[in-house]
Amino acid sequence: MDKTKQYVAMIGGVLGALLLFFQAIGFEISWFNVKTIDAFMNVLLAAVPLAFALYGVYKNQFLLTKKAQKQEEVLKKQGLK
């Protein structure tokens, strides 16, 4: 989770630097401001862990490889699942 926050902070830093660059050259986009950058970072902070959790659930619910399918069969035959 700490690495996720670091990556999101780096993305926010790049967006902030891009905003300052655009302001320095006189190019202004009304919807691209500090508030939208902060909102985007909050969305990323919520979405990235959600994606990891969904992937974990998917991986644990659906057997993706032949080896995992064979292991599932053996466990069922032994009564362990």
Protein backbone atom coordinates (compact mmCIF):
# COMPACT_ATOMS: atom_id res chain seq x y z
CA MET A 1 0.00 0.00 0.00
CA ASP A 2 2.86 2.38 0.71
CA LYS A 3 4.25 1.87 -2.79
CA THR A 4 0.81 2.61 -4.23
CA LYS A 5 0.70 5.91 -2.37
CA GLN A 6 4.20 6.73 -3.62
CA TYR A 7 3.21 6.06 -7.23
CA VAL A 8 0.04 8.15 -6.89
CA ALA A 9 2.09 10.96 -5.33
CA MET A 10 4.54 10.82 -8.25
CA ILE A 11 1.67 11.00 -10.75
CA GLY A 12 0.23 13.96 -8.82
CA GLY A 13 3.63 15.62 -8.82
CA VAL A 14 3.96 15.27 -12.57
CA LEU A 15 0.45 16.65 -13.09
CA GLY A 16 1.25 19.57 -10.77
CA ALA A 17 4.45 20.30 -12.67
CA LEU A 18 2.54 20.09 -15.95
CA LEU A 19 -0.02 22.57 -14.60
CA LEU A 20 2.75 25.00 -13.62
CA PHE A 21 4.40 24.58 -17.03
CA PHE A 22 1.15 25.37 -18.84
CA GLN A 23 0.60 28.41 -16.63
CA ALA A 24 4.16 29.61 -17.31
CA ILE A 25 3.69 29.53 -21.07
CA GLY A 26 0.26 31.18 -20.81
CA PHE A 27 -1.75 28.13 -21.84
CA GLU A 28 -4.67 27.71 -19.47
CA ILE A 29 -7.24 24.93 -19.44
CA SER A 30 -10.15 25.82 -17.17
CA TRP A 31 -10.80 22.28 -15.92
CA PHE A 32 -7.12 21.45 -15.32
CA ASN A 33 -6.37 22.99 -11.93
CA VAL A 34 -5.16 22.05 -8.45
CA LYS A 35 -8.63 20.85 -7.39
CA THR A 36 -8.96 18.45 -10.32
CA ILE A 37 -5.45 17.11 -9.75
CA ASP A 38 -6.25 16.46 -6.08
CA ALA A 39 -9.54 14.81 -7.02
CA PHE A 40 -7.76 12.59 -9.56
CA MET A 41 -5.20 11.56 -6.96
CA ASN A 42 -8.00 10.65 -4.52
CA VAL A 43 -9.65 8.52 -7.18
CA LEU A 44 -6.36 6.74 -7.83
CA LEU A 45 -5.79 6.19 -4.11
CA ALA A 46 -9.17 4.45 -3.94
CA ALA A 47 -9.11 2.66 -7.31
CA VAL A 48 -5.67 1.05 -7.20
CA PRO A 49 -6.24 -0.93 -3.96
CA LEU A 50 -9.69 -1.86 -5.26
CA ALA A 51 -8.12 -3.22 -8.45
CA PHE A 52 -5.63 -5.28 -6.42
CA ALA A 53 -8.42 -6.65 -4.23
CA LEU A 54 -10.60 -7.53 -7.23
CA TYR A 55 -7.67 -9.27 -8.91
CA GLY A 56 -7.00 -11.28 -5.75
CA VAL A 57 -10.63 -12.35 -5.51
CA TYR A 58 -10.69 -13.25 -9.20
CA LYS A 59 -7.48 -15.22 -8.98
CA ASN A 60 -8.66 -17.13 -5.91
CA GLN A 61 -12.12 -17.85 -7.31
CA PHE A 62 -11.22 -18.94 -10.83
CA LEU A 63 -8.51 -21.45 -11.51
CA LEU A 64 -6.38 -19.91 -14.21
CA THR A 65 -3.78 -22.57 -14.98
CA LYS A 66 -3.92 -26.28 -15.75
CA LYS A 67 -1.71 -26.94 -12.72
CA ALA A 68 -4.16 -25.14 -10.44
CA GLN A 69 -7.07 -27.08 -11.92
CA LYS A 70 -5.31 -30.40 -11.31
CA GLN A 71 -4.45 -29.35 -7.75
CA GLU A 72 -8.12 -28.45 -7.17
CA GLU A 73 -9.20 -31.90 -8.35
CA VAL A 74 -6.70 -33.63 -6.04
CA LEU A 75 -7.82 -31.55 -3.06
CA LYS A 76 -11.47 -32.37 -3.74
CA LYS A 77 -10.68 -36.10 -4.02
CA GLN A 78 -8.85 -35.97 -0.69
CA GLY A 79 -11.78 -34.15 0.91
CA LEU A 80 -9.73 -31.09 1.70
CA LYS A 81 -12.02 -28.75 -0.25
